Amino acid sequence: MLTVNPYQNYLEAEVTSAEPLRLVQMLYRGALDAIDDARGYLRSGDIAARSASIIKAIAILQELIGSLNFEAGGELSRNLAEIYDYAQKRLLDANIRQADEPLAEVQCLLAPLLEAWDACIPELV
């Protein structure tokens, strides 16, 4: 029997109808939420959930890298790609070492970027 998840349906509708700038905001929020979850799971000792949350954050960063337009974005796109790449490496380190410090560092890297997006397009917040 197929079960319907109203939240999943809402999320799919929101993503498929969102403007590109709103999608970027959603990706940042998703990455930050996943990292926050990973930190909580690390504290509680839930290794599988911690790893799943870190993998989710890495996948979101990969999506952000894929969304960059290096031709139009120039140096800004290159700088963001370097930040995302570094953040992915730190998340892998956090997962391997089961350490909070790299998770906190990546949160500190991504939070200001989300704030910048929110400031640039406040009507979407």
PDB file of N, CA and C in Angstrom:
ATOM      1  N   MET A   1       0.851  -1.183   0.000  1.00  0.00           N
ATOM      2  CA  MET A   1       0.000   0.000   0.000  1.00  0.00           C
ATOM      3  C   MET A   1       0.889   1.236   0.000  1.00  0.00           C
ATOM      4  N   LEU A   2       0.579   2.177  -0.857  1.00  0.00           N
ATOM      5  CA  LEU A   2       1.325   3.421  -0.980  1.00  0.00           C
ATOM      6  C   LEU A   2       0.853   4.406   0.085  1.00  0.00           C
ATOM      7  N   THR A   3       1.794   4.899   0.883  1.00  0.00           N
ATOM      8  CA  THR A   3       1.431   5.893   1.879  1.00  0.00           C
ATOM      9  C   THR A   3       1.799   7.272   1.354  1.00  0.00           C
ATOM     10  N   VAL A   4       0.986   8.226   1.660  1.00  0.00           N
ATOM     11  CA  VAL A   4       1.195   9.596   1.215  1.00  0.00           C
ATOM     12  C   VAL A   4       1.752  10.398   2.380  1.00  0.00           C
ATOM     13  N   ASN A   5       2.866  11.043   2.138  1.00  0.00           N
ATOM     14  CA  ASN A   5       3.493  11.882   3.142  1.00  0.00           C
ATOM     15  C   ASN A   5       3.184  13.341   2.783  1.00  0.00           C
ATOM     16  N   PRO A   6       2.278  13.990   3.499  1.00  0.00           N
ATOM     17  CA  PRO A   6       1.896  15.361   3.166  1.00  0.00           C
ATOM     18  C   PRO A   6       3.085  16.321   3.170  1.00  0.00           C
ATOM     19  N   TYR A   7       4.021  16.136   4.108  1.00  0.00           N
ATOM     20  CA  TYR A   7       5.184  17.014   4.156  1.00  0.00           C
ATOM     21  C   TYR A   7       6.025  16.848   2.899  1.00  0.00           C
ATOM     22  N   GLN A   8       6.241  15.605   2.477  1.00  0.00           N
ATOM     23  CA  GLN A   8       7.031  15.343   1.274  1.00  0.00           C
ATOM     24  C   GLN A   8       6.360  15.957   0.047  1.00  0.00           C
ATOM     25  N   ASN A   9       5.033  15.826  -0.037  1.00  0.00           N
ATOM     26  CA  ASN A   9       4.291  16.417  -1.152  1.00  0.00           C
ATOM     27  C   ASN A   9       4.429  17.935  -1.153  1.00  0.00           C
ATOM     28  N   TYR A  10       4.330  18.549   0.032  1.00  0.00           N
ATOM     29  CA  TYR A  10       4.476  19.999   0.141  1.00  0.00           C
ATOM     30  C   TYR A  10       5.877  20.427  -0.284  1.00  0.00           C
ATOM     31  N   LEU A  11       6.884  19.707   0.200  1.00  0.00           N
ATOM     32  CA  LEU A  11       8.269  20.037  -0.125  1.00  0.00           C
ATOM     33  C   LEU A  11       8.524  19.921  -1.619  1.00  0.00           C
ATOM     34  N   GLU A  12       8.039  18.860  -2.235  1.00  0.00           N
ATOM     35  CA  GLU A  12       8.208  18.688  -3.680  1.00  0.00           C
ATOM     36  C   GLU A  12       7.539  19.817  -4.446  1.00  0.00           C
ATOM     37  N   ALA A  13       6.361  20.211  -4.025  1.00  0.00           N
ATOM     38  CA  ALA A  13       5.653  21.310  -4.688  1.00  0.00           C
ATOM     39  C   ALA A  13       6.413  22.619  -4.521  1.00  0.00           C
ATOM     40  N   GLU A  14       6.955  22.845  -3.323  1.00  0.00           N
ATOM     41  CA  GLU A  14       7.703  24.077  -3.072  1.00  0.00           C
ATOM     42  C   GLU A  14       8.963  24.126  -3.939  1.00  0.00           C
ATOM     43  N   VAL A  15       9.670  23.022  -4.039  1.00  0.00           N
ATOM     44  CA  VAL A  15      10.905  22.976  -4.822  1.00  0.00           C
ATOM     45  C   VAL A  15      10.621  23.151  -6.305  1.00  0.00           C
ATOM     46  N   THR A  16       9.625  22.448  -6.819  1.00  0.00           N
ATOM     47  CA  THR A  16       9.361  22.515  -8.255  1.00  0.00           C
ATOM     48  C   THR A  16       8.804  23.861  -8.698  1.00  0.00           C
ATOM     49  N   SER A  17       8.227  24.627  -7.783  1.00  0.00           N
ATOM     50  CA  SER A  17       7.667  25.924  -8.150  1.00  0.00           C
ATOM     51  C   SER A  17       8.542  27.102  -7.720  1.00  0.00           C
ATOM     52  N   ALA A  18       9.654  26.835  -7.068  1.00  0.00           N
ATOM     53  CA  ALA A  18      10.485  27.916  -6.528  1.00  0.00           C
ATOM     54  C   ALA A  18      11.334  28.586  -7.607  1.00  0.00           C
ATOM     55  N   GLU A  19      11.559  29.860  -7.413  1.00  0.00           N
ATOM     56  CA  GLU A  19      12.482  30.614  -8.254  1.00  0.00           C
ATOM     57  C   GLU A  19      13.907  30.119  -7.988  1.00  0.00           C
ATOM     58  N   PRO A  20      14.809  30.258  -8.954  1.00  0.00           N
ATOM     59  CA  PRO A  20      16.192  29.784  -8.756  1.00  0.00           C
ATOM     60  C   PRO A  20      16.882  30.359  -7.518  1.00  0.00           C
ATOM     61  N   LEU A  21      16.680  31.634  -7.230  1.00  0.00           N
ATOM     62  CA  LEU A  21      17.322  32.234  -6.054  1.00  0.00           C
ATOM     63  C   LEU A  21      16.760  31.622  -4.769  1.00  0.00           C
ATOM     64  N   ARG A  22      15.485  31.342  -4.773  1.00  0.00           N
ATOM     65  CA  ARG A  22      14.855  30.703  -3.604  1.00  0.00           C
ATOM     66  C   ARG A  22      15.397  29.285  -3.421  1.00  0.00           C
ATOM     67  N   LEU A  23      15.660  28.595  -4.523  1.00  0.00           N
ATOM     68  CA  LEU A  23      16.234  27.248  -4.429  1.00  0.00           C
ATOM     69  C   LEU A  23      17.594  27.277  -3.753  1.00  0.00           C
ATOM     70  N   VAL A  24      18.394  28.281  -4.078  1.00  0.00           N
ATOM     71  CA  VAL A  24      19.714  28.399  -3.438  1.00  0.00           C
ATOM     72  C   VAL A  24      19.546  28.603  -1.942  1.00  0.00           C
ATOM     73  N   GLN A  25      18.629  29.456  -1.548  1.00  0.00           N
ATOM     74  CA  GLN A  25      18.353  29.650  -0.119  1.00  0.00           C
ATOM     75  C   GLN A  25      17.934  28.338   0.531  1.00  0.00           C
ATOM     76  N   MET A  26      17.079  27.595  -0.137  1.00  0.00           N
ATOM     77  CA  MET A  26      16.604  26.327   0.411  1.00  0.00           C
ATOM     78  C   MET A  26      17.767  25.343   0.569  1.00  0.00           C
ATOM     79  N   LEU A  27      18.685  25.346  -0.390  1.00  0.00           N
ATOM     80  CA  LEU A  27      19.851  24.464  -0.293  1.00  0.00           C
ATOM     81  C   LEU A  27      20.721  24.843   0.903  1.00  0.00           C
ATOM     82  N   TYR A  28      20.977  26.133   1.078  1.00  0.00           N
ATOM     83  CA  TYR A  28      21.767  26.568   2.236  1.00  0.00           C
ATOM     84  C   TYR A  28      21.089  26.161   3.540  1.00  0.00           C
ATOM     85  N   ARG A  29      19.789  26.403   3.626  1.00  0.00           N
ATOM     86  CA  ARG A  29      19.069  26.038   4.853  1.00  0.00           C
ATOM     87  C   ARG A  29      19.115  24.531   5.077  1.00  0.00           C
ATOM     88  N   GLY A  30      18.952  23.775   4.009  1.00  0.00           N
ATOM     89  CA  GLY A  30      19.010  22.324   4.127  1.00  0.00           C
ATOM     90  C   GLY A  30      20.369  21.844   4.606  1.00  0.00           C
ATOM     91  N   ALA A  31      21.428  22.434   4.071  1.00  0.00           N
ATOM     92  CA  ALA A  31      22.781  22.053   4.499  1.00  0.00           C
ATOM     93  C   ALA A  31      22.998  22.400   5.963  1.00  0.00           C
ATOM     94  N   LEU A  32      22.595  23.595   6.352  1.00  0.00           N
ATOM     95  CA  LEU A  32      22.770  24.007   7.749  1.00  0.00           C
ATOM     96  C   LEU A  32      21.937  23.150   8.690  1.00  0.00           C
ATOM     97  N   ASP A  33      20.719  22.813   8.282  1.00  0.00           N
ATOM     98  CA  ASP A  33      19.880  21.933   9.104  1.00  0.00           C
ATOM     99  C   ASP A  33      20.516  20.551   9.243  1.00  0.00           C
ATOM    100  N   ALA A  34      21.056  20.023   8.134  1.00  0.00           N
ATOM    101  CA  ALA A  34      21.694  18.703   8.170  1.00  0.00           C
ATOM    102  C   ALA A  34      22.913  18.711   9.083  1.00  0.00           C
ATOM    103  N   ILE A  35      23.677  19.786   9.039  1.00  0.00           N
ATOM    104  CA  ILE A  35      24.861  19.891   9.905  1.00  0.00           C
ATOM    105  C   ILE A  35      24.433  20.006  11.363  1.00  0.00           C
ATOM    106  N   ASP A  36      23.403  20.784  11.620  1.00  0.00           N
ATOM    107  CA  ASP A  36      22.890  20.901  12.984  1.00  0.00           C
ATOM    108  C   ASP A  36      22.411  19.540  13.491  1.00  0.00           C
ATOM    109  N   ASP A  37      21.713  18.816  12.627  1.00  0.00           N
ATOM    110  CA  ASP A  37      21.266  17.459  12.992  1.00  0.00           C
ATOM    111  C   ASP A  37      22.473  16.568  13.286  1.00  0.00           C
ATOM    112  N   ALA A  38      23.490  16.633  12.426  1.00  0.00           N
ATOM    113  CA  ALA A  38      24.686  15.802  12.609  1.00  0.00           C
ATOM    114  C   ALA A  38      25.349  16.098  13.948  1.00  0.00           C
ATOM    115  N   ARG A  39      25.395  17.365  14.327  1.00  0.00           N
ATOM    116  CA  ARG A  39      25.998  17.722  15.620  1.00  0.00           C
ATOM    117  C   ARG A  39      25.189  17.134  16.770  1.00  0.00           C
ATOM    118  N   GLY A  40      23.876  17.169  16.650  1.00  0.00           N
ATOM    119  CA  GLY A  40      23.029  16.576  17.682  1.00  0.00           C
ATOM    120  C   GLY A  40      23.215  15.073  17.763  1.00  0.00           C
ATOM    121  N   TYR A  41      23.275  14.421  16.612  1.00  0.00           N
ATOM    122  CA  TYR A  41      23.482  12.974  16.596  1.00  0.00           C
ATOM    123  C   TYR A  41      24.871  12.611  17.117  1.00  0.00           C
ATOM    124  N   LEU A  42      25.838  13.457  16.855  1.00  0.00           N
ATOM    125  CA  LEU A  42      27.184  13.214  17.391  1.00  0.00           C
ATOM    126  C   LEU A  42      27.139  13.238  18.920  1.00  0.00           C
ATOM    127  N   ARG A  43      26.458  14.229  19.478  1.00  0.00           N
ATOM    128  CA  ARG A  43      26.340  14.339  20.936  1.00  0.00           C
ATOM    129  C   ARG A  43      25.616  13.140  21.543  1.00  0.00           C
ATOM    130  N   SER A  44      24.607  12.641  20.830  1.00  0.00           N
ATOM    131  CA  SER A  44      23.825  11.532  21.374  1.00  0.00           C
ATOM    132  C   SER A  44      24.430  10.166  21.063  1.00  0.00           C
ATOM    133  N   GLY A  45      25.456  10.147  20.231  1.00  0.00           N
ATOM    134  CA  GLY A  45      26.123   8.888  19.916  1.00  0.00           C
ATOM    135  C   GLY A  45      25.456   8.070  18.822  1.00  0.00           C
ATOM    136  N   ASP A  46      24.551   8.666  18.074  1.00  0.00           N
ATOM    137  CA  ASP A  46      23.864   7.963  16.987  1.00  0.00           C
ATOM    138  C   ASP A  46      24.715   8.061  15.718  1.00  0.00           C
ATOM    139  N   ILE A  47      25.600   7.083  15.545  1.00  0.00           N
ATOM    140  CA  ILE A  47      26.585   7.111  14.460  1.00  0.00           C
ATOM    141  C   ILE A  47      25.908   7.069  13.089  1.00  0.00           C
ATOM    142  N   ALA A  48      24.942   6.198  12.912  1.00  0.00           N
ATOM    143  CA  ALA A  48      24.294   6.059  11.608  1.00  0.00           C
ATOM    144  C   ALA A  48      23.572   7.346  11.205  1.00  0.00           C
ATOM    145  N   ALA A  49      22.840   7.939  12.132  1.00  0.00           N
ATOM    146  CA  ALA A  49      22.111   9.172  11.830  1.00  0.00           C
ATOM    147  C   ALA A  49      23.074  10.326  11.584  1.00  0.00           C
ATOM    148  N   ARG A  50      24.171  10.380  12.361  1.00  0.00           N
ATOM    149  CA  ARG A  50      25.180  11.417  12.163  1.00  0.00           C
ATOM    150  C   ARG A  50      25.763  11.316  10.761  1.00  0.00           C
ATOM    151  N   SER A  51      26.149  10.109  10.375  1.00  0.00           N
ATOM    152  CA  SER A  51      26.722   9.903   9.047  1.00  0.00           C
ATOM    153  C   SER A  51      25.725  10.269   7.952  1.00  0.00           C
ATOM    154  N   ALA A  52      24.473   9.879   8.119  1.00  0.00           N
ATOM    155  CA  ALA A  52      23.449  10.195   7.122  1.00  0.00           C
ATOM    156  C   ALA A  52      23.268  11.709   6.981  1.00  0.00           C
ATOM    157  N   SER A  53      23.296  12.423   8.090  1.00  0.00           N
ATOM    158  CA  SER A  53      23.143  13.880   8.043  1.00  0.00           C
ATOM    159  C   SER A  53      24.344  14.535   7.377  1.00  0.00           C
ATOM    160  N   ILE A  54      25.524  14.037   7.652  1.00  0.00           N
ATOM    161  CA  ILE A  54      26.729  14.591   7.023  1.00  0.00           C
ATOM    162  C   ILE A  54      26.709  14.308   5.524  1.00  0.00           C
ATOM    163  N   ILE A  55      26.320  13.110   5.146  1.00  0.00           N
ATOM    164  CA  ILE A  55      26.230  12.769   3.723  1.00  0.00           C
ATOM    165  C   ILE A  55      25.208  13.667   3.029  1.00  0.00           C
ATOM    166  N   LYS A  56      24.110  13.956   3.706  1.00  0.00           N
ATOM    167  CA  LYS A  56      23.097  14.856   3.143  1.00  0.00           C
ATOM    168  C   LYS A  56      23.688  16.253   2.927  1.00  0.00           C
ATOM    169  N   ALA A  57      24.417  16.761   3.903  1.00  0.00           N
ATOM    170  CA  ALA A  57      25.027  18.090   3.774  1.00  0.00           C
ATOM    171  C   ALA A  57      26.032  18.114   2.625  1.00  0.00           C
ATOM    172  N   ILE A  58      26.817  17.049   2.492  1.00  0.00           N
ATOM    173  CA  ILE A  58      27.789  16.964   1.394  1.00  0.00           C
ATOM    174  C   ILE A  58      27.062  16.958   0.049  1.00  0.00           C
ATOM    175  N   ALA A  59      25.977  16.223  -0.054  1.00  0.00           N
ATOM    176  CA  ALA A  59      25.203  16.170  -1.297  1.00  0.00           C
ATOM    177  C   ALA A  59      24.629  17.543  -1.646  1.00  0.00           C
ATOM    178  N   ILE A  60      24.189  18.267  -0.644  1.00  0.00           N
ATOM    179  CA  ILE A  60      23.653  19.611  -0.877  1.00  0.00           C
ATOM    180  C   ILE A  60      24.766  20.532  -1.365  1.00  0.00           C
ATOM    181  N   LEU A  61      25.934  20.438  -0.760  1.00  0.00           N
ATOM    182  CA  LEU A  61      27.058  21.256  -1.226  1.00  0.00           C
ATOM    183  C   LEU A  61      27.423  20.898  -2.666  1.00  0.00           C
ATOM    184  N   GLN A  62      27.348  19.623  -3.007  1.00  0.00           N
ATOM    185  CA  GLN A  62      27.613  19.210  -4.384  1.00  0.00           C
ATOM    186  C   GLN A  62      26.592  19.827  -5.328  1.00  0.00           C
ATOM    187  N   GLU A  63      25.351  19.902  -4.894  1.00  0.00           N
ATOM    188  CA  GLU A  63      24.304  20.537  -5.699  1.00  0.00           C
ATOM    189  C   GLU A  63      24.594  22.032  -5.868  1.00  0.00           C
ATOM    190  N   LEU A  64      25.067  22.671  -4.811  1.00  0.00           N
ATOM    191  CA  LEU A  64      25.424  24.085  -4.911  1.00  0.00           C
ATOM    192  C   LEU A  64      26.585  24.285  -5.890  1.00  0.00           C
ATOM    193  N   ILE A  65      27.561  23.396  -5.862  1.00  0.00           N
ATOM    194  CA  ILE A  65      28.672  23.481  -6.819  1.00  0.00           C
ATOM    195  C   ILE A  65      28.136  23.344  -8.240  1.00  0.00           C
ATOM    196  N   GLY A  66      27.246  22.391  -8.440  1.00  0.00           N
ATOM    197  CA  GLY A  66      26.680  22.169  -9.762  1.00  0.00           C
ATOM    198  C   GLY A  66      25.837  23.320 -10.274  1.00  0.00           C
ATOM    199  N   SER A  67      25.341  24.144  -9.365  1.00  0.00           N
ATOM    200  CA  SER A  67      24.495  25.267  -9.777  1.00  0.00           C
ATOM    201  C   SER A  67      25.296  26.515 -10.147  1.00  0.00           C
ATOM    202  N   LEU A  68      26.603  26.481  -9.890  1.00  0.00           N
ATOM    203  CA  LEU A  68      27.420  27.654 -10.185  1.00  0.00           C
ATOM    204  C   LEU A  68      27.598  27.835 -11.689  1.00  0.00           C
ATOM    205  N   ASN A  69      27.526  29.090 -12.123  1.00  0.00           N
ATOM    206  CA  ASN A  69      27.765  29.435 -13.522  1.00  0.00           C
ATOM    207  C   ASN A  69      29.125  30.133 -13.580  1.00  0.00           C
ATOM    208  N   PHE A  70      30.147  29.375 -13.917  1.00  0.00           N
ATOM    209  CA  PHE A  70      31.504  29.912 -13.885  1.00  0.00           C
ATOM    210  C   PHE A  70      31.739  30.963 -14.963  1.00  0.00           C
ATOM    211  N   GLU A  71      31.038  30.859 -16.059  1.00  0.00           N
ATOM    212  CA  GLU A  71      31.200  31.850 -17.127  1.00  0.00           C
ATOM    213  C   GLU A  71      30.632  33.198 -16.708  1.00  0.00           C
ATOM    214  N   ALA A  72      29.407  33.194 -16.213  1.00  0.00           N
ATOM    215  CA  ALA A  72      28.767  34.443 -15.805  1.00  0.00           C
ATOM    216  C   ALA A  72      29.250  34.906 -14.432  1.00  0.00           C
ATOM    217  N   GLY A  73      29.541  33.951 -13.544  1.00  0.00           N
ATOM    218  CA  GLY A  73      29.896  34.290 -12.171  1.00  0.00           C
ATOM    219  C   GLY A  73      31.350  34.632 -11.947  1.00  0.00           C
ATOM    220  N   GLY A  74      32.205  34.231 -12.861  1.00  0.00           N
ATOM    221  CA  GLY A  74      33.619  34.570 -12.781  1.00  0.00           C
ATOM    222  C   GLY A  74      34.259  34.217 -11.454  1.00  0.00           C
ATOM    223  N   GLU A  75      34.942  35.195 -10.897  1.00  0.00           N
ATOM    224  CA  GLU A  75      35.694  34.991  -9.660  1.00  0.00           C
ATOM    225  C   GLU A  75      34.793  34.600  -8.488  1.00  0.00           C
ATOM    226  N   LEU A  76      33.608  35.172  -8.428  1.00  0.00           N
ATOM    227  CA  LEU A  76      32.684  34.840  -7.337  1.00  0.00           C
ATOM    228  C   LEU A  76      32.336  33.348  -7.381  1.00  0.00           C
ATOM    229  N   SER A  77      32.033  32.840  -8.565  1.00  0.00           N
ATOM    230  CA  SER A  77      31.721  31.417  -8.689  1.00  0.00           C
ATOM    231  C   SER A  77      32.913  30.556  -8.310  1.00  0.00           C
ATOM    232  N   ARG A  78      34.096  30.952  -8.724  1.00  0.00           N
ATOM    233  CA  ARG A  78      35.295  30.186  -8.365  1.00  0.00           C
ATOM    234  C   ARG A  78      35.512  30.192  -6.850  1.00  0.00           C
ATOM    235  N   ASN A  79      35.324  31.344  -6.223  1.00  0.00           N
ATOM    236  CA  ASN A  79      35.492  31.434  -4.763  1.00  0.00           C
ATOM    237  C   ASN A  79      34.462  30.577  -4.029  1.00  0.00           C
ATOM    238  N   LEU A  80      33.212  30.618  -4.486  1.00  0.00           N
ATOM    239  CA  LEU A  80      32.186  29.792  -3.856  1.00  0.00           C
ATOM    240  C   LEU A  80      32.498  28.308  -4.041  1.00  0.00           C
ATOM    241  N   ALA A  81      32.972  27.931  -5.213  1.00  0.00           N
ATOM    242  CA  ALA A  81      33.323  26.528  -5.454  1.00  0.00           C
ATOM    243  C   ALA A  81      34.424  26.086  -4.496  1.00  0.00           C
ATOM    244  N   GLU A  82      35.389  26.947  -4.249  1.00  0.00           N
ATOM    245  CA  GLU A  82      36.468  26.616  -3.308  1.00  0.00           C
ATOM    246  C   GLU A  82      35.934  26.471  -1.886  1.00  0.00           C
ATOM    247  N   ILE A  83      35.020  27.345  -1.496  1.00  0.00           N
ATOM    248  CA  ILE A  83      34.414  27.254  -0.161  1.00  0.00           C
ATOM    249  C   ILE A  83      33.634  25.951  -0.030  1.00  0.00           C
ATOM    250  N   TYR A  84      32.814  25.642  -1.034  1.00  0.00           N
ATOM    251  CA  TYR A  84      32.012  24.419  -0.978  1.00  0.00           C
ATOM    252  C   TYR A  84      32.902  23.179  -0.947  1.00  0.00           C
ATOM    253  N   ASP A  85      33.965  23.190  -1.739  1.00  0.00           N
ATOM    254  CA  ASP A  85      34.888  22.059  -1.760  1.00  0.00           C
ATOM    255  C   ASP A  85      35.553  21.886  -0.393  1.00  0.00           C
ATOM    256  N   TYR A  86      36.015  22.983   0.177  1.00  0.00           N
ATOM    257  CA  TYR A  86      36.636  22.939   1.499  1.00  0.00           C
ATOM    258  C   TYR A  86      35.633  22.426   2.541  1.00  0.00           C
ATOM    259  N   ALA A  87      34.405  22.926   2.467  1.00  0.00           N
ATOM    260  CA  ALA A  87      33.374  22.507   3.420  1.00  0.00           C
ATOM    261  C   ALA A  87      33.109  21.010   3.300  1.00  0.00           C
ATOM    262  N   GLN A  88      33.068  20.493   2.085  1.00  0.00           N
ATOM    263  CA  GLN A  88      32.863  19.054   1.904  1.00  0.00           C
ATOM    264  C   GLN A  88      34.003  18.264   2.545  1.00  0.00           C
ATOM    265  N   LYS A  89      35.218  18.719   2.372  1.00  0.00           N
ATOM    266  CA  LYS A  89      36.372  18.031   2.965  1.00  0.00           C
ATOM    267  C   LYS A  89      36.288  18.049   4.493  1.00  0.00           C
ATOM    268  N   ARG A  90      35.878  19.171   5.045  1.00  0.00           N
ATOM    269  CA  ARG A  90      35.756  19.270   6.502  1.00  0.00           C
ATOM    270  C   ARG A  90      34.641  18.357   7.015  1.00  0.00           C
ATOM    271  N   LEU A  91      33.551  18.259   6.259  1.00  0.00           N
ATOM    272  CA  LEU A  91      32.471  17.366   6.665  1.00  0.00           C
ATOM    273  C   LEU A  91      32.922  15.908   6.634  1.00  0.00           C
ATOM    274  N   LEU A  92      33.677  15.546   5.621  1.00  0.00           N
ATOM    275  CA  LEU A  92      34.230  14.188   5.575  1.00  0.00           C
ATOM    276  C   LEU A  92      35.142  13.936   6.771  1.00  0.00           C
ATOM    277  N   ASP A  93      35.945  14.937   7.097  1.00  0.00           N
ATOM    278  CA  ASP A  93      36.835  14.828   8.263  1.00  0.00           C
ATOM    279  C   ASP A  93      36.013  14.638   9.545  1.00  0.00           C
ATOM    280  N   ALA A  94      34.942  15.407   9.662  1.00  0.00           N
ATOM    281  CA  ALA A  94      34.076  15.278  10.843  1.00  0.00           C
ATOM    282  C   ALA A  94      33.499  13.874  10.942  1.00  0.00           C
ATOM    283  N   ASN A  95      33.121  13.326   9.817  1.00  0.00           N
ATOM    284  CA  ASN A  95      32.523  11.995   9.818  1.00  0.00           C
ATOM    285  C   ASN A  95      33.566  10.931  10.172  1.00  0.00           C
ATOM    286  N   ILE A  96      34.747  11.043   9.600  1.00  0.00           N
ATOM    287  CA  ILE A  96      35.804  10.064   9.857  1.00  0.00           C
ATOM    288  C   ILE A  96      36.261  10.117  11.309  1.00  0.00           C
ATOM    289  N   ARG A  97      36.497  11.325  11.808  1.00  0.00           N
ATOM    290  CA  ARG A  97      37.032  11.480  13.166  1.00  0.00           C
ATOM    291  C   ARG A  97      35.944  11.528  14.232  1.00  0.00           C
ATOM    292  N   GLN A  98      34.678  11.566  13.804  1.00  0.00           N
ATOM    293  CA  GLN A  98      33.565  11.723  14.733  1.00  0.00           C
ATOM    294  C   GLN A  98      33.797  12.940  15.628  1.00  0.00           C
ATOM    295  N   ALA A  99      34.078  14.074  14.964  1.00  0.00           N
ATOM    296  CA  ALA A  99      34.456  15.300  15.663  1.00  0.00           C
ATOM    297  C   ALA A  99      33.459  16.418  15.381  1.00  0.00           C
ATOM    298  N   ASP A 100      33.211  17.230  16.386  1.00  0.00           N
ATOM    299  CA  ASP A 100      32.277  18.351  16.255  1.00  0.00           C
ATOM    300  C   ASP A 100      32.928  19.580  15.630  1.00  0.00           C
ATOM    301  N   GLU A 101      34.198  19.786  15.877  1.00  0.00           N
ATOM    302  CA  GLU A 101      34.866  21.019  15.430  1.00  0.00           C
ATOM    303  C   GLU A 101      34.714  21.275  13.925  1.00  0.00           C
ATOM    304  N   PRO A 102      34.915  20.274  13.048  1.00  0.00           N
ATOM    305  CA  PRO A 102      34.717  20.551  11.621  1.00  0.00           C
ATOM    306  C   PRO A 102      33.261  20.875  11.268  1.00  0.00           C
ATOM    307  N   LEU A 103      32.329  20.270  11.975  1.00  0.00           N
ATOM    308  CA  LEU A 103      30.916  20.573  11.739  1.00  0.00           C
ATOM    309  C   LEU A 103      30.617  22.021  12.101  1.00  0.00           C
ATOM    310  N   ALA A 104      31.116  22.451  13.247  1.00  0.00           N
ATOM    311  CA  ALA A 104      30.918  23.839  13.678  1.00  0.00           C
ATOM    312  C   ALA A 104      31.568  24.808  12.697  1.00  0.00           C
ATOM    313  N   GLU A 105      32.745  24.434  12.202  1.00  0.00           N
ATOM    314  CA  GLU A 105      33.450  25.292  11.244  1.00  0.00           C
ATOM    315  C   GLU A 105      32.626  25.474   9.966  1.00  0.00           C
ATOM    316  N   VAL A 106      32.069  24.384   9.463  1.00  0.00           N
ATOM    317  CA  VAL A 106      31.281  24.482   8.230  1.00  0.00           C
ATOM    318  C   VAL A 106      30.014  25.304   8.474  1.00  0.00           C
ATOM    319  N   GLN A 107      29.407  25.157   9.633  1.00  0.00           N
ATOM    320  CA  GLN A 107      28.257  26.011   9.961  1.00  0.00           C
ATOM    321  C   GLN A 107      28.664  27.482   9.916  1.00  0.00           C
ATOM    322  N   CYS A 108      29.824  27.784  10.454  1.00  0.00           N
ATOM    323  CA  CYS A 108      30.311  29.168  10.468  1.00  0.00           C
ATOM    324  C   CYS A 108      30.640  29.676   9.067  1.00  0.00           C
ATOM    325  N   LEU A 109      30.974  28.785   8.165  1.00  0.00           N
ATOM    326  CA  LEU A 109      31.225  29.176   6.780  1.00  0.00           C
ATOM    327  C   LEU A 109      29.925  29.430   6.021  1.00  0.00           C
ATOM    328  N   LEU A 110      28.946  28.571   6.232  1.00  0.00           N
ATOM    329  CA  LEU A 110      27.718  28.645   5.442  1.00  0.00           C
ATOM    330  C   LEU A 110      26.700  29.650   5.967  1.00  0.00           C
ATOM    331  N   ALA A 111      26.642  29.845   7.270  1.00  0.00           N
ATOM    332  CA  ALA A 111      25.627  30.745   7.843  1.00  0.00           C
ATOM    333  C   ALA A 111      25.712  32.159   7.270  1.00  0.00           C
ATOM    334  N   PRO A 112      26.902  32.763   7.173  1.00  0.00           N
ATOM    335  CA  PRO A 112      26.963  34.109   6.594  1.00  0.00           C
ATOM    336  C   PRO A 112      26.571  34.142   5.110  1.00  0.00           C
ATOM    337  N   LEU A 113      26.829  33.057   4.406  1.00  0.00           N
ATOM    338  CA  LEU A 113      26.430  33.008   2.998  1.00  0.00           C
ATOM    339  C   LEU A 113      24.911  33.005   2.879  1.00  0.00           C
ATOM    340  N   LEU A 114      24.242  32.242   3.744  1.00  0.00           N
ATOM    341  CA  LEU A 114      22.782  32.269   3.753  1.00  0.00           C
ATOM    342  C   LEU A 114      22.281  33.659   4.127  1.00  0.00           C
ATOM    343  N   GLU A 115      22.893  34.277   5.119  1.00  0.00           N
ATOM    344  CA  GLU A 115      22.483  35.629   5.511  1.00  0.00           C
ATOM    345  C   GLU A 115      22.631  36.602   4.349  1.00  0.00           C
ATOM    346  N   ALA A 116      23.687  36.453   3.554  1.00  0.00           N
ATOM    347  CA  ALA A 116      23.889  37.327   2.394  1.00  0.00           C
ATOM    348  C   ALA A 116      22.782  37.117   1.364  1.00  0.00           C
ATOM    349  N   TRP A 117      22.427  35.860   1.107  1.00  0.00           N
ATOM    350  CA  TRP A 117      21.324  35.589   0.180  1.00  0.00           C
ATOM    351  C   TRP A 117      20.022  36.188   0.717  1.00  0.00           C
ATOM    352  N   ASP A 118      19.777  35.999   1.999  1.00  0.00           N
ATOM    353  CA  ASP A 118      18.558  36.539   2.608  1.00  0.00           C
ATOM    354  C   ASP A 118      18.518  38.060   2.495  1.00  0.00           C
ATOM    355  N   ALA A 119      19.647  38.719   2.651  1.00  0.00           N
ATOM    356  CA  ALA A 119      19.703  40.181   2.568  1.00  0.00           C
ATOM    357  C   ALA A 119      19.497  40.673   1.133  1.00  0.00           C
ATOM    358  N   CYS A 120      19.964  39.896   0.172  1.00  0.00           N
ATOM    359  CA  CYS A 120      19.846  40.286  -1.232  1.00  0.00           C
ATOM    360  C   CYS A 120      18.429  40.118  -1.769  1.00  0.00           C
ATOM    361  N   ILE A 121      17.734  39.157  -1.236  1.00  0.00           N
ATOM    362  CA  ILE A 121      16.375  38.895  -1.725  1.00  0.00           C
ATOM    363  C   ILE A 121      15.415  38.731  -0.555  1.00  0.00           C
ATOM    364  N   PRO A 122      15.238  39.806   0.235  1.00  0.00           N
ATOM    365  CA  PRO A 122      14.429  39.703   1.455  1.00  0.00           C
ATOM    366  C   PRO A 122      12.973  39.326   1.212  1.00  0.00           C
ATOM    367  N   GLU A 123      12.438  39.631   0.026  1.00  0.00           N
ATOM    368  CA  GLU A 123      11.044  39.285  -0.222  1.00  0.00           C
ATOM    369  C   GLU A 123      10.817  37.793  -0.283  1.00  0.00           C
ATOM    370  N   LEU A 124      11.890  37.019  -0.409  1.00  0.00           N
ATOM    371  CA  LEU A 124      11.766  35.567  -0.447  1.00  0.00           C
ATOM    372  C   LEU A 124      11.958  34.918   0.900  1.00  0.00           C
ATOM    373  N   VAL A 125      12.315  35.697   1.923  1.00  0.00           N
ATOM    374  CA  VAL A 125      12.585  35.125   3.249  1.00  0.00           C
ATOM    375  C   VAL A 125      11.286  34.749   3.913  1.00  0.00           C
TER     376      VAL A 125
END
